[in-house]
Amino acid sequence: MEDQNKDNQLNIELNEETAEGIYSNLAIITHSNTEFVLDFIRVMPGIPKARVKSRIILTPEHAKRLVHALEDNISKFEAINGRIKTQEEPPGFPMNFGGPTAQA
């Protein structure tokens, strides 16, 4: 049984640059019949232009798995730290720069 587990293991490498991460305070989610596209953006107050910092493209099945994984992790976080408070509209910057409407 132990040999079978070794065959099913996946080694994942994380280089220093990727490990630093990219801060994002806006996500725009679009989809077609074959894929979901998640664009992560950093919006700065007082700056009327924002760039996509990272784009992730997922199959519909993997997008659904991501949603379930996020729900599970948020539940675990809230069980330890208390409910995460959310606002309908984040204050301090406009959410629409003439492009698609954000969904997060």
PDB file of N, CA and C in Angstrom:
ATOM      1  N   MET A   1       0.829  -1.201   0.000  1.00  0.00           N
ATOM      2  CA  MET A   1       0.000   0.000   0.000  1.00  0.00           C
ATOM      3  C   MET A   1       0.862   1.249   0.000  1.00  0.00           C
ATOM      4  N   GLU A   2       1.984   1.214   0.688  1.00  0.00           N
ATOM      5  CA  GLU A   2       2.859   2.374   0.766  1.00  0.00           C
ATOM      6  C   GLU A   2       3.426   2.737  -0.609  1.00  0.00           C
ATOM      7  N   ASP A   3       3.792   1.719  -1.428  1.00  0.00           N
ATOM      8  CA  ASP A   3       4.312   1.980  -2.763  1.00  0.00           C
ATOM      9  C   ASP A   3       3.266   2.638  -3.651  1.00  0.00           C
ATOM     10  N   GLN A   4       1.997   2.248  -3.471  1.00  0.00           N
ATOM     11  CA  GLN A   4       0.925   2.835  -4.252  1.00  0.00           C
ATOM     12  C   GLN A   4       0.772   4.320  -3.923  1.00  0.00           C
ATOM     13  N   ASN A   5       0.885   4.707  -2.650  1.00  0.00           N
ATOM     14  CA  ASN A   5       0.793   6.111  -2.256  1.00  0.00           C
ATOM     15  C   ASN A   5       1.930   6.928  -2.859  1.00  0.00           C
ATOM     16  N   LYS A   6       3.119   6.370  -2.939  1.00  0.00           N
ATOM     17  CA  LYS A   6       4.265   7.071  -3.533  1.00  0.00           C
ATOM     18  C   LYS A   6       4.011   7.364  -5.004  1.00  0.00           C
ATOM     19  N   ASP A   7       3.369   6.428  -5.701  1.00  0.00           N
ATOM     20  CA  ASP A   7       3.078   6.626  -7.124  1.00  0.00           C
ATOM     21  C   ASP A   7       2.051   7.732  -7.341  1.00  0.00           C
ATOM     22  N   ASN A   8       1.174   7.971  -6.365  1.00  0.00           N
ATOM     23  CA  ASN A   8       0.130   8.967  -6.500  1.00  0.00           C
ATOM     24  C   ASN A   8       0.531  10.345  -5.989  1.00  0.00           C
ATOM     25  N   GLN A   9       1.760  10.490  -5.465  1.00  0.00           N
ATOM     26  CA  GLN A   9       2.208  11.773  -4.942  1.00  0.00           C
ATOM     27  C   GLN A   9       2.608  12.693  -6.077  1.00  0.00           C
ATOM     28  N   LEU A  10       2.401  13.983  -5.851  1.00  0.00           N
ATOM     29  CA  LEU A  10       2.768  14.995  -6.823  1.00  0.00           C
ATOM     30  C   LEU A  10       3.728  15.958  -6.169  1.00  0.00           C
ATOM     31  N   ASN A  11       4.899  16.113  -6.750  1.00  0.00           N
ATOM     32  CA  ASN A  11       5.857  17.093  -6.250  1.00  0.00           C
ATOM     33  C   ASN A  11       5.546  18.433  -6.882  1.00  0.00           C
ATOM     34  N   ILE A  12       5.367  19.440  -6.048  1.00  0.00           N
ATOM     35  CA  ILE A  12       5.053  20.782  -6.524  1.00  0.00           C
ATOM     36  C   ILE A  12       6.202  21.696  -6.152  1.00  0.00           C
ATOM     37  N   GLU A  13       6.745  22.386  -7.145  1.00  0.00           N
ATOM     38  CA  GLU A  13       7.832  23.331  -6.906  1.00  0.00           C
ATOM     39  C   GLU A  13       7.273  24.745  -6.824  1.00  0.00           C
ATOM     40  N   LEU A  14       7.848  25.532  -5.932  1.00  0.00           N
ATOM     41  CA  LEU A  14       7.449  26.920  -5.748  1.00  0.00           C
ATOM     42  C   LEU A  14       8.708  27.764  -5.699  1.00  0.00           C
ATOM     43  N   ASN A  15       8.952  28.530  -6.773  1.00  0.00           N
ATOM     44  CA  ASN A  15      10.155  29.360  -6.773  1.00  0.00           C
ATOM     45  C   ASN A  15       9.936  30.615  -5.935  1.00  0.00           C
ATOM     46  N   GLU A  16      11.019  31.314  -5.611  1.00  0.00           N
ATOM     47  CA  GLU A  16      10.945  32.475  -4.707  1.00  0.00           C
ATOM     48  C   GLU A  16      10.017  33.565  -5.226  1.00  0.00           C
ATOM     49  N   GLU A  17      10.111  33.871  -6.510  1.00  0.00           N
ATOM     50  CA  GLU A  17       9.291  34.945  -7.085  1.00  0.00           C
ATOM     51  C   GLU A  17       7.803  34.625  -6.960  1.00  0.00           C
ATOM     52  N   THR A  18       7.421  33.410  -7.284  1.00  0.00           N
ATOM     53  CA  THR A  18       6.029  33.010  -7.181  1.00  0.00           C
ATOM     54  C   THR A  18       5.583  32.943  -5.726  1.00  0.00           C
ATOM     55  N   ALA A  19       6.468  32.513  -4.839  1.00  0.00           N
ATOM     56  CA  ALA A  19       6.142  32.404  -3.415  1.00  0.00           C
ATOM     57  C   ALA A  19       5.819  33.758  -2.795  1.00  0.00           C
ATOM     58  N   GLU A  20       6.359  34.834  -3.345  1.00  0.00           N
ATOM     59  CA  GLU A  20       6.056  36.177  -2.829  1.00  0.00           C
ATOM     60  C   GLU A  20       4.603  36.548  -3.055  1.00  0.00           C
ATOM     61  N   GLY A  21       3.984  35.987  -4.060  1.00  0.00           N
ATOM     62  CA  GLY A  21       2.583  36.256  -4.346  1.00  0.00           C
ATOM     63  C   GLY A  21       2.380  37.608  -5.016  1.00  0.00           C
ATOM     64  N   ILE A  22       1.147  37.840  -5.432  1.00  0.00           N
ATOM     65  CA  ILE A  22       0.756  39.097  -6.057  1.00  0.00           C
ATOM     66  C   ILE A  22      -0.492  39.576  -5.350  1.00  0.00           C
ATOM     67  N   TYR A  23      -0.447  40.804  -4.820  1.00  0.00           N
ATOM     68  CA  TYR A  23      -1.608  41.357  -4.124  1.00  0.00           C
ATOM     69  C   TYR A  23      -2.670  41.761  -5.137  1.00  0.00           C
ATOM     70  N   SER A  24      -3.908  41.400  -4.844  1.00  0.00           N
ATOM     71  CA  SER A  24      -5.038  41.762  -5.696  1.00  0.00           C
ATOM     72  C   SER A  24      -6.203  42.167  -4.806  1.00  0.00           C
ATOM     73  N   ASN A  25      -6.903  43.253  -5.190  1.00  0.00           N
ATOM     74  CA  ASN A  25      -8.089  43.656  -4.433  1.00  0.00           C
ATOM     75  C   ASN A  25      -9.325  43.728  -5.332  1.00  0.00           C
ATOM     76  N   LEU A  26      -9.216  43.141  -6.520  1.00  0.00           N
ATOM     77  CA  LEU A  26     -10.349  43.064  -7.439  1.00  0.00           C
ATOM     78  C   LEU A  26     -10.167  41.839  -8.325  1.00  0.00           C
ATOM     79  N   ALA A  27     -11.234  41.096  -8.527  1.00  0.00           N
ATOM     80  CA  ALA A  27     -11.208  39.956  -9.437  1.00  0.00           C
ATOM     81  C   ALA A  27     -12.342  40.117 -10.436  1.00  0.00           C
ATOM     82  N   ILE A  28     -12.030  39.893 -11.692  1.00  0.00           N
ATOM     83  CA  ILE A  28     -13.048  39.891 -12.737  1.00  0.00           C
ATOM     84  C   ILE A  28     -13.119  38.467 -13.271  1.00  0.00           C
ATOM     85  N   ILE A  29     -14.315  37.914 -13.266  1.00  0.00           N
ATOM     86  CA  ILE A  29     -14.502  36.531 -13.674  1.00  0.00           C
ATOM     87  C   ILE A  29     -15.388  36.495 -14.910  1.00  0.00           C
ATOM     88  N   THR A  30     -14.884  35.867 -15.954  1.00  0.00           N
ATOM     89  CA  THR A  30     -15.666  35.689 -17.173  1.00  0.00           C
ATOM     90  C   THR A  30     -15.618  34.199 -17.541  1.00  0.00           C
ATOM     91  N   HIS A  31     -16.503  33.793 -18.424  1.00  0.00           N
ATOM     92  CA  HIS A  31     -16.502  32.388 -18.812  1.00  0.00           C
ATOM     93  C   HIS A  31     -17.057  32.200 -20.213  1.00  0.00           C
ATOM     94  N   SER A  32     -16.665  31.079 -20.802  1.00  0.00           N
ATOM     95  CA  SER A  32     -17.239  30.615 -22.060  1.00  0.00           C
ATOM     96  C   SER A  32     -17.816  29.233 -21.769  1.00  0.00           C
ATOM     97  N   ASN A  33     -18.203  28.516 -22.784  1.00  0.00           N
ATOM     98  CA  ASN A  33     -18.740  27.176 -22.539  1.00  0.00           C
ATOM     99  C   ASN A  33     -17.639  26.169 -22.204  1.00  0.00           C
ATOM    100  N   THR A  34     -16.355  26.539 -22.364  1.00  0.00           N
ATOM    101  CA  THR A  34     -15.269  25.600 -22.110  1.00  0.00           C
ATOM    102  C   THR A  34     -14.282  26.036 -21.037  1.00  0.00           C
ATOM    103  N   GLU A  35     -14.361  27.295 -20.577  1.00  0.00           N
ATOM    104  CA  GLU A  35     -13.368  27.744 -19.602  1.00  0.00           C
ATOM    105  C   GLU A  35     -13.868  28.923 -18.772  1.00  0.00           C
ATOM    106  N   PHE A  36     -13.280  29.062 -17.593  1.00  0.00           N
ATOM    107  CA  PHE A  36     -13.482  30.217 -16.724  1.00  0.00           C
ATOM    108  C   PHE A  36     -12.169  30.981 -16.699  1.00  0.00           C
ATOM    109  N   VAL A  37     -12.254  32.303 -16.808  1.00  0.00           N
ATOM    110  CA  VAL A  37     -11.068  33.155 -16.765  1.00  0.00           C
ATOM    111  C   VAL A  37     -11.177  34.050 -15.542  1.00  0.00           C
ATOM    112  N   LEU A  38     -10.174  33.976 -14.667  1.00  0.00           N
ATOM    113  CA  LEU A  38     -10.112  34.807 -13.464  1.00  0.00           C
ATOM    114  C   LEU A  38      -8.981  35.803 -13.642  1.00  0.00           C
ATOM    115  N   ASP A  39      -9.322  37.069 -13.735  1.00  0.00           N
ATOM    116  CA  ASP A  39      -8.330  38.135 -13.810  1.00  0.00           C
ATOM    117  C   ASP A  39      -8.223  38.788 -12.446  1.00  0.00           C
ATOM    118  N   PHE A  40      -7.009  38.832 -11.916  1.00  0.00           N
ATOM    119  CA  PHE A  40      -6.744  39.445 -10.621  1.00  0.00           C
ATOM    120  C   PHE A  40      -6.064  40.782 -10.832  1.00  0.00           C
ATOM    121  N   ILE A  41      -6.640  41.831 -10.236  1.00  0.00           N
ATOM    122  CA  ILE A  41      -6.257  43.214 -10.497  1.00  0.00           C
ATOM    123  C   ILE A  41      -5.950  43.906  -9.184  1.00  0.00           C
ATOM    124  N   ARG A  42      -5.017  44.837  -9.230  1.00  0.00           N
ATOM    125  CA  ARG A  42      -4.739  45.684  -8.064  1.00  0.00           C
ATOM    126  C   ARG A  42      -5.188  47.100  -8.413  1.00  0.00           C
ATOM    127  N   VAL A  43      -6.216  47.571  -7.717  1.00  0.00           N
ATOM    128  CA  VAL A  43      -6.740  48.922  -7.914  1.00  0.00           C
ATOM    129  C   VAL A  43      -6.176  49.806  -6.813  1.00  0.00           C
ATOM    130  N   MET A  44      -5.643  50.959  -7.193  1.00  0.00           N
ATOM    131  CA  MET A  44      -5.088  51.894  -6.219  1.00  0.00           C
ATOM    132  C   MET A  44      -5.977  53.133  -6.163  1.00  0.00           C
ATOM    133  N   PRO A  45      -6.288  53.619  -4.962  1.00  0.00           N
ATOM    134  CA  PRO A  45      -7.124  54.815  -4.830  1.00  0.00           C
ATOM    135  C   PRO A  45      -6.510  56.004  -5.555  1.00  0.00           C
ATOM    136  N   GLY A  46      -7.347  56.726  -6.263  1.00  0.00           N
ATOM    137  CA  GLY A  46      -6.906  57.934  -6.960  1.00  0.00           C
ATOM    138  C   GLY A  46      -6.243  57.685  -8.295  1.00  0.00           C
ATOM    139  N   ILE A  47      -6.059  56.442  -8.680  1.00  0.00           N
ATOM    140  CA  ILE A  47      -5.450  56.123  -9.979  1.00  0.00           C
ATOM    141  C   ILE A  47      -6.536  55.514 -10.856  1.00  0.00           C
ATOM    142  N   PRO A  48      -6.885  56.195 -11.955  1.00  0.00           N
ATOM    143  CA  PRO A  48      -8.035  55.766 -12.752  1.00  0.00           C
ATOM    144  C   PRO A  48      -7.762  54.577 -13.682  1.00  0.00           C
ATOM    145  N   LYS A  49      -6.573  53.997 -13.621  1.00  0.00           N
ATOM    146  CA  LYS A  49      -6.247  52.874 -14.490  1.00  0.00           C
ATOM    147  C   LYS A  49      -5.670  51.746 -13.641  1.00  0.00           C
ATOM    148  N   ALA A  50      -6.066  50.524 -13.940  1.00  0.00           N
ATOM    149  CA  ALA A  50      -5.562  49.364 -13.204  1.00  0.00           C
ATOM    150  C   ALA A  50      -5.197  48.282 -14.213  1.00  0.00           C
ATOM    151  N   ARG A  51      -4.165  47.525 -13.883  1.00  0.00           N
ATOM    152  CA  ARG A  51      -3.711  46.455 -14.769  1.00  0.00           C
ATOM    153  C   ARG A  51      -4.031  45.098 -14.165  1.00  0.00           C
ATOM    154  N   VAL A  52      -4.270  44.145 -15.051  1.00  0.00           N
ATOM    155  CA  VAL A  52      -4.401  42.756 -14.623  1.00  0.00           C
ATOM    156  C   VAL A  52      -3.018  42.300 -14.177  1.00  0.00           C
ATOM    157  N   LYS A  53      -2.920  41.812 -12.947  1.00  0.00           N
ATOM    158  CA  LYS A  53      -1.645  41.348 -12.403  1.00  0.00           C
ATOM    159  C   LYS A  53      -1.441  39.858 -12.638  1.00  0.00           C
ATOM    160  N   SER A  54      -2.547  39.114 -12.742  1.00  0.00           N
ATOM    161  CA  SER A  54      -2.452  37.679 -12.961  1.00  0.00           C
ATOM    162  C   SER A  54      -3.746  37.189 -13.595  1.00  0.00           C
ATOM    163  N   ARG A  55      -3.639  36.233 -14.492  1.00  0.00           N
ATOM    164  CA  ARG A  55      -4.808  35.629 -15.130  1.00  0.00           C
ATOM    165  C   ARG A  55      -4.714  34.116 -14.964  1.00  0.00           C
ATOM    166  N   ILE A  56      -5.790  33.524 -14.458  1.00  0.00           N
ATOM    167  CA  ILE A  56      -5.867  32.081 -14.297  1.00  0.00           C
ATOM    168  C   ILE A  56      -7.013  31.578 -15.162  1.00  0.00           C
ATOM    169  N   ILE A  57      -6.750  30.558 -15.973  1.00  0.00           N
ATOM    170  CA  ILE A  57      -7.762  29.974 -16.847  1.00  0.00           C
ATOM    171  C   ILE A  57      -8.024  28.554 -16.367  1.00  0.00           C
ATOM    172  N   LEU A  58      -9.304  28.251 -16.109  1.00  0.00           N
ATOM    173  CA  LEU A  58      -9.703  26.962 -15.546  1.00  0.00           C
ATOM    174  C   LEU A  58     -10.783  26.311 -16.397  1.00  0.00           C
ATOM    175  N   THR A  59     -10.815  24.992 -16.370  1.00  0.00           N
ATOM    176  CA  THR A  59     -11.947  24.291 -16.955  1.00  0.00           C
ATOM    177  C   THR A  59     -13.145  24.481 -16.017  1.00  0.00           C
ATOM    178  N   PRO A  60     -14.368  24.315 -16.508  1.00  0.00           N
ATOM    179  CA  PRO A  60     -15.526  24.438 -15.612  1.00  0.00           C
ATOM    180  C   PRO A  60     -15.447  23.497 -14.409  1.00  0.00           C
ATOM    181  N   GLU A  61     -14.968  22.273 -14.600  1.00  0.00           N
ATOM    182  CA  GLU A  61     -14.855  21.339 -13.486  1.00  0.00           C
ATOM    183  C   GLU A  61     -13.864  21.855 -12.440  1.00  0.00           C
ATOM    184  N   HIS A  62     -12.724  22.355 -12.880  1.00  0.00           N
ATOM    185  CA  HIS A  62     -11.737  22.866 -11.927  1.00  0.00           C
ATOM    186  C   HIS A  62     -12.219  24.153 -11.259  1.00  0.00           C
ATOM    187  N   ALA A  63     -12.990  24.966 -11.969  1.00  0.00           N
ATOM    188  CA  ALA A  63     -13.560  26.171 -11.355  1.00  0.00           C
ATOM    189  C   ALA A  63     -14.497  25.777 -10.214  1.00  0.00           C
ATOM    190  N   LYS A  64     -15.302  24.757 -10.424  1.00  0.00           N
ATOM    191  CA  LYS A  64     -16.216  24.301  -9.370  1.00  0.00           C
ATOM    192  C   LYS A  64     -15.446  23.728  -8.194  1.00  0.00           C
ATOM    193  N   ARG A  65     -14.374  22.994  -8.470  1.00  0.00           N
ATOM    194  CA  ARG A  65     -13.536  22.463  -7.391  1.00  0.00           C
ATOM    195  C   ARG A  65     -12.887  23.605  -6.600  1.00  0.00           C
ATOM    196  N   LEU A  66     -12.484  24.657  -7.289  1.00  0.00           N
ATOM    197  CA  LEU A  66     -11.905  25.822  -6.618  1.00  0.00           C
ATOM    198  C   LEU A  66     -12.929  26.465  -5.686  1.00  0.00           C
ATOM    199  N   VAL A  67     -14.155  26.614  -6.155  1.00  0.00           N
ATOM    200  CA  VAL A  67     -15.216  27.185  -5.322  1.00  0.00           C
ATOM    201  C   VAL A  67     -15.402  26.351  -4.055  1.00  0.00           C
ATOM    202  N   HIS A  68     -15.459  25.043  -4.198  1.00  0.00           N
ATOM    203  CA  HIS A  68     -15.633  24.171  -3.025  1.00  0.00           C
ATOM    204  C   HIS A  68     -14.436  24.274  -2.079  1.00  0.00           C
ATOM    205  N   ALA A  69     -13.228  24.331  -2.626  1.00  0.00           N
ATOM    206  CA  ALA A  69     -12.032  24.448  -1.790  1.00  0.00           C
ATOM    207  C   ALA A  69     -12.030  25.781  -1.041  1.00  0.00           C
ATOM    208  N   LEU A  70     -12.437  26.866  -1.717  1.00  0.00           N
ATOM    209  CA  LEU A  70     -12.510  28.172  -1.054  1.00  0.00           C
ATOM    210  C   LEU A  70     -13.571  28.165   0.043  1.00  0.00           C
ATOM    211  N   GLU A  71     -14.736  27.598  -0.245  1.00  0.00           N
ATOM    212  CA  GLU A  71     -15.789  27.519   0.772  1.00  0.00           C
ATOM    213  C   GLU A  71     -15.311  26.748   1.999  1.00  0.00           C
ATOM    214  N   ASP A  72     -14.624  25.640   1.771  1.00  0.00           N
ATOM    215  CA  ASP A  72     -14.113  24.832   2.874  1.00  0.00           C
ATOM    216  C   ASP A  72     -13.089  25.613   3.695  1.00  0.00           C
ATOM    217  N   ASN A  73     -12.169  26.280   3.027  1.00  0.00           N
ATOM    218  CA  ASN A  73     -11.138  27.044   3.730  1.00  0.00           C
ATOM    219  C   ASN A  73     -11.712  28.255   4.450  1.00  0.00           C
ATOM    220  N   ILE A  74     -12.695  28.914   3.860  1.00  0.00           N
ATOM    221  CA  ILE A  74     -13.335  30.056   4.527  1.00  0.00           C
ATOM    222  C   ILE A  74     -14.069  29.577   5.780  1.00  0.00           C
ATOM    223  N   SER A  75     -14.754  28.447   5.691  1.00  0.00           N
ATOM    224  CA  SER A  75     -15.440  27.891   6.869  1.00  0.00           C
ATOM    225  C   SER A  75     -14.452  27.594   7.984  1.00  0.00           C
ATOM    226  N   LYS A  76     -13.325  27.002   7.646  1.00  0.00           N
ATOM    227  CA  LYS A  76     -12.302  26.689   8.651  1.00  0.00           C
ATOM    228  C   LYS A  76     -11.719  27.969   9.252  1.00  0.00           C
ATOM    229  N   PHE A  77     -11.460  28.967   8.407  1.00  0.00           N
ATOM    230  CA  PHE A  77     -10.931  30.254   8.876  1.00  0.00           C
ATOM    231  C   PHE A  77     -11.907  30.906   9.842  1.00  0.00           C
ATOM    232  N   GLU A  78     -13.198  30.951   9.446  1.00  0.00           N
ATOM    233  CA  GLU A  78     -14.206  31.600  10.279  1.00  0.00           C
ATOM    234  C   GLU A  78     -14.451  30.848  11.584  1.00  0.00           C
ATOM    235  N   ALA A  79     -14.275  29.548  11.581  1.00  0.00           N
ATOM    236  CA  ALA A  79     -14.429  28.771  12.811  1.00  0.00           C
ATOM    237  C   ALA A  79     -13.375  29.176  13.836  1.00  0.00           C
ATOM    238  N   ILE A  80     -12.210  29.569  13.376  1.00  0.00           N
ATOM    239  CA  ILE A  80     -11.117  29.969  14.272  1.00  0.00           C
ATOM    240  C   ILE A  80     -11.142  31.470  14.558  1.00  0.00           C
ATOM    241  N   ASN A  81     -11.388  32.280  13.522  1.00  0.00           N
ATOM    242  CA  ASN A  81     -11.217  33.728  13.613  1.00  0.00           C
ATOM    243  C   ASN A  81     -12.503  34.533  13.675  1.00  0.00           C
ATOM    244  N   GLY A  82     -13.641  33.893  13.520  1.00  0.00           N
ATOM    245  CA  GLY A  82     -14.908  34.620  13.483  1.00  0.00           C
ATOM    246  C   GLY A  82     -15.303  34.962  12.052  1.00  0.00           C
ATOM    247  N   ARG A  83     -16.542  35.366  11.920  1.00  0.00           N
ATOM    248  CA  ARG A  83     -17.120  35.656  10.605  1.00  0.00           C
ATOM    249  C   ARG A  83     -16.368  36.776   9.889  1.00  0.00           C
ATOM    250  N   ILE A  84     -16.133  36.584   8.605  1.00  0.00           N
ATOM    251  CA  ILE A  84     -15.517  37.610   7.774  1.00  0.00           C
ATOM    252  C   ILE A  84     -16.603  38.596   7.377  1.00  0.00           C
ATOM    253  N   LYS A  85     -16.403  39.866   7.689  1.00  0.00           N
ATOM    254  CA  LYS A  85     -17.372  40.898   7.328  1.00  0.00           C
ATOM    255  C   LYS A  85     -17.122  41.346   5.894  1.00  0.00           C
ATOM    256  N   THR A  86     -18.206  41.487   5.142  1.00  0.00           N
ATOM    257  CA  THR A  86     -18.097  41.960   3.760  1.00  0.00           C
ATOM    258  C   THR A  86     -19.010  43.163   3.570  1.00  0.00           C
ATOM    259  N   GLN A  87     -18.647  43.996   2.603  1.00  0.00           N
ATOM    260  CA  GLN A  87     -19.460  45.154   2.235  1.00  0.00           C
ATOM    261  C   GLN A  87     -19.958  44.938   0.818  1.00  0.00           C
ATOM    262  N   GLU A  88     -21.118  45.496   0.523  1.00  0.00           N
ATOM    263  CA  GLU A  88     -21.651  45.375  -0.833  1.00  0.00           C
ATOM    264  C   GLU A  88     -20.726  46.026  -1.850  1.00  0.00           C
ATOM    265  N   GLU A  89     -20.245  47.202  -1.556  1.00  0.00           N
ATOM    266  CA  GLU A  89     -19.374  47.945  -2.470  1.00  0.00           C
ATOM    267  C   GLU A  89     -18.167  48.448  -1.685  1.00  0.00           C
ATOM    268  N   PRO A  90     -16.957  48.006  -2.028  1.00  0.00           N
ATOM    269  CA  PRO A  90     -15.784  48.499  -1.310  1.00  0.00           C
ATOM    270  C   PRO A  90     -15.663  50.020  -1.439  1.00  0.00           C
ATOM    271  N   PRO A  91     -15.370  50.700  -0.339  1.00  0.00           N
ATOM    272  CA  PRO A  91     -15.262  52.154  -0.379  1.00  0.00           C
ATOM    273  C   PRO A  91     -13.941  52.614  -0.975  1.00  0.00           C
ATOM    274  N   GLY A  92     -13.937  53.850  -1.483  1.00  0.00           N
ATOM    275  CA  GLY A  92     -12.683  54.498  -1.829  1.00  0.00           C
ATOM    276  C   GLY A  92     -12.241  54.431  -3.271  1.00  0.00           C
ATOM    277  N   PHE A  93     -12.809  53.548  -4.085  1.00  0.00           N
ATOM    278  CA  PHE A  93     -12.422  53.557  -5.488  1.00  0.00           C
ATOM    279  C   PHE A  93     -13.566  53.028  -6.334  1.00  0.00           C
ATOM    280  N   PRO A  94     -13.658  53.529  -7.576  1.00  0.00           N
ATOM    281  CA  PRO A  94     -14.731  53.057  -8.454  1.00  0.00           C
ATOM    282  C   PRO A  94     -14.454  51.626  -8.900  1.00  0.00           C
ATOM    283  N   MET A  95     -15.512  50.851  -9.063  1.00  0.00           N
ATOM    284  CA  MET A  95     -15.357  49.458  -9.449  1.00  0.00           C
ATOM    285  C   MET A  95     -15.455  49.237 -10.954  1.00  0.00           C
ATOM    286  N   ASN A  96     -15.789  50.252 -11.721  1.00  0.00           N
ATOM    287  CA  ASN A  96     -15.963  50.052 -13.151  1.00  0.00           C
ATOM    288  C   ASN A  96     -15.164  51.106 -13.911  1.00  0.00           C
ATOM    289  N   PHE A  97     -14.216  50.660 -14.689  1.00  0.00           N
ATOM    290  CA  PHE A  97     -13.397  51.565 -15.496  1.00  0.00           C
ATOM    291  C   PHE A  97     -13.782  51.455 -16.970  1.00  0.00           C
ATOM    292  N   GLY A  98     -15.027  51.148 -17.233  1.00  0.00           N
ATOM    293  CA  GLY A  98     -15.474  51.039 -18.623  1.00  0.00           C
ATOM    294  C   GLY A  98     -15.349  49.634 -19.169  1.00  0.00           C
ATOM    295  N   GLY A  99     -14.843  48.698 -18.378  1.00  0.00           N
ATOM    296  CA  GLY A  99     -14.691  47.311 -18.811  1.00  0.00           C
ATOM    297  C   GLY A  99     -15.795  46.462 -18.253  1.00  0.00           C
ATOM    298  N   PRO A 100     -15.563  45.156 -18.200  1.00  0.00           N
ATOM    299  CA  PRO A 100     -16.585  44.260 -17.660  1.00  0.00           C
ATOM    300  C   PRO A 100     -16.831  44.504 -16.189  1.00  0.00           C
ATOM    301  N   THR A 101     -18.018  44.179 -15.733  1.00  0.00           N
ATOM    302  CA  THR A 101     -18.379  44.341 -14.328  1.00  0.00           C
ATOM    303  C   THR A 101     -17.731  43.241 -13.510  1.00  0.00           C
ATOM    304  N   ALA A 102     -17.177  43.608 -12.358  1.00  0.00           N
ATOM    305  CA  ALA A 102     -16.478  42.652 -11.512  1.00  0.00           C
ATOM    306  C   ALA A 102     -17.443  41.708 -10.831  1.00  0.00           C
ATOM    307  N   GLN A 103     -17.021  40.466 -10.673  1.00  0.00           N
ATOM    308  CA  GLN A 103     -17.755  39.470  -9.906  1.00  0.00           C
ATOM    309  C   GLN A 103     -16.738  38.758  -9.035  1.00  0.00           C
ATOM    310  N   ALA A 104     -16.929  38.849  -7.741  1.00  0.00           N
ATOM    311  CA  ALA A 104     -15.955  38.188  -6.857  1.00  0.00           C
ATOM    312  C   ALA A 104     -16.660  37.506  -5.726  1.00  0.00           C
TER     313      ALA A 104
END
